[in-house]
Protein backbone atom coordinates (compact mmCIF):
# COMPACT_ATOMS: atom_id res chain seq x y z
CA UNK A 1 0.00 0.00 0.00
CA UNK A 2 2.99 2.32 0.36
CA UNK A 3 2.92 4.92 -2.36
CA UNK A 4 -0.70 4.26 -3.33
CA UNK A 5 -2.66 7.33 -4.37
CA UNK A 6 -6.07 5.66 -4.21
CA UNK A 7 -7.76 2.32 -3.62
CA UNK A 8 -10.60 0.40 -5.23
CA UNK A 9 -12.04 -2.31 -3.01
CA UNK A 10 -13.76 -4.92 -5.16
CA UNK A 11 -16.36 -6.89 -3.25
CA UNK A 12 -17.91 -10.04 -4.67
CA UNK A 13 -21.69 -9.63 -4.57
CA UNK A 14 -22.35 -13.34 -4.14
CA UNK A 15 -23.97 -14.23 -0.83
CA UNK A 16 -21.56 -17.16 -0.37
CA UNK A 17 -18.54 -14.79 -0.63
CA UNK A 18 -19.87 -12.23 1.87
CA UNK A 19 -17.76 -13.25 4.87
CA UNK A 20 -14.61 -13.51 2.75
CA UNK A 21 -15.28 -9.99 1.50
CA UNK A 22 -15.65 -8.63 5.02
CA UNK A 23 -12.36 -10.28 5.98
CA UNK A 24 -10.65 -8.74 2.94
CA UNK A 25 -11.96 -5.32 3.90
CA UNK A 26 -10.63 -5.72 7.45
CA UNK A 27 -7.25 -6.67 5.95
CA UNK A 28 -7.35 -3.60 3.71
CA UNK A 29 -7.94 -1.28 6.66
CA UNK A 30 -5.12 -2.92 8.61
CA UNK A 31 -2.75 -2.46 5.66
CA UNK A 32 -3.81 1.15 5.21
CA UNK A 33 -3.26 2.01 8.87
CA UNK A 34 0.15 0.30 8.91
CA UNK A 35 1.46 1.63 5.61
CA UNK A 36 -0.13 4.99 4.85
CA UNK A 37 0.56 8.13 6.84
CA UNK A 38 -2.76 9.78 5.99
CA UNK A 39 -4.83 6.65 5.48
CA UNK A 40 -8.07 8.37 6.50
CA UNK A 41 -7.67 10.73 3.53
CA UNK A 42 -6.89 7.94 1.04
CA UNK A 43 -9.34 8.04 -1.88
CA UNK A 44 -11.37 4.84 -1.63
CA UNK A 45 -14.04 3.51 -3.98
CA UNK A 46 -16.12 0.39 -3.50
CA UNK A 47 -16.95 -1.76 -6.50
CA UNK A 48 -19.60 -4.45 -6.15
CA UNK A 49 -18.78 -7.08 -8.74
CA UNK A 50 -20.82 -10.00 -10.09
CA UNK A 51 -24.07 -8.07 -9.92
CA UNK A 52 -25.45 -10.44 -12.58
CA UNK A 53 -25.37 -13.63 -10.51
CA UNK A 54 -28.51 -15.08 -8.99
CA UNK A 55 -27.08 -15.19 -5.46
CA UNK A 56 -26.07 -11.51 -5.49
CA UNK A 57 -26.89 -9.60 -2.32
CA UNK A 58 -28.88 -6.42 -2.74
CA UNK A 59 -26.98 -3.18 -3.20
CA UNK A 60 -28.43 -1.96 0.11
CA UNK A 61 -27.04 -5.01 1.96
CA UNK A 62 -23.61 -4.52 0.40
CA UNK A 63 -23.51 -0.81 1.16
CA UNK A 64 -24.60 -1.38 4.76
CA UNK A 65 -21.92 -4.05 5.31
CA UNK A 66 -18.98 -2.63 3.37
CA UNK A 67 -19.58 1.08 3.02
CA UNK A 68 -21.57 2.52 5.95
CA UNK A 69 -19.76 5.85 5.54
CA UNK A 70 -21.28 6.32 2.09
CA UNK A 71 -18.05 6.61 0.12
CA UNK A 72 -18.34 6.42 -3.67
CA UNK A 73 -19.36 3.02 -4.99
CA UNK A 74 -20.17 1.37 -8.28
CA UNK A 75 -21.92 -1.80 -9.42
CA UNK A 76 -20.05 -3.99 -11.89
CA UNK A 77 -20.07 -7.12 -13.99
CA UNK A 78 -16.35 -7.20 -14.75
CA UNK A 79 -16.59 -10.25 -17.04
CA UNK A 80 -18.75 -8.09 -19.33
CA UNK A 81 -16.81 -4.89 -18.75
CA UNK A 82 -19.76 -3.22 -17.03
CA UNK A 83 -18.86 -0.72 -14.34
CA UNK A 84 -15.11 -1.15 -14.71
CA UNK A 85 -14.45 2.11 -16.55
CA UNK A 86 -16.91 3.96 -14.35
CA UNK A 87 -15.08 2.77 -11.22
CA UNK A 88 -11.75 3.87 -12.68
CA UNK A 89 -13.14 7.30 -13.51
CA UNK A 90 -14.43 7.75 -9.96
CA UNK A 91 -11.14 6.81 -8.30
CA UNK A 92 -9.14 8.93 -10.76
CA UNK A 93 -11.27 12.00 -9.97
CA UNK A 94 -10.83 11.43 -6.24
CA UNK A 95 -7.07 10.99 -6.62
CA UNK A 96 -6.80 14.15 -8.74
CA UNK A 97 -8.72 16.14 -6.10
CA UNK A 98 -6.53 14.70 -3.37
CA UNK A 99 -3.33 15.65 -5.19
CA UNK A 100 -4.59 19.20 -5.82
CA UNK A 101 -5.05 19.73 -2.07
């Protein structure tokens, strides 16, 4: 994480991957606190992938579990390219704003 200008956390929307996603998010926050001086100001975007699968949790459930602070987020179906460019645009805008400060 050292030297990162921004982060995209990709969460798998599948119900059966929910706990693994929460563990990954905990690991991300640990890495940010250990390796980034101003981790609370790090641009962070949440991407909810696999929105097309039958077992996908609702967007409200995902936001409540992963993003209670209401940071920017985006739905995606990466295998079809949906939401990938949009997520990149969001994080790039946040990084640019952060650098300008």
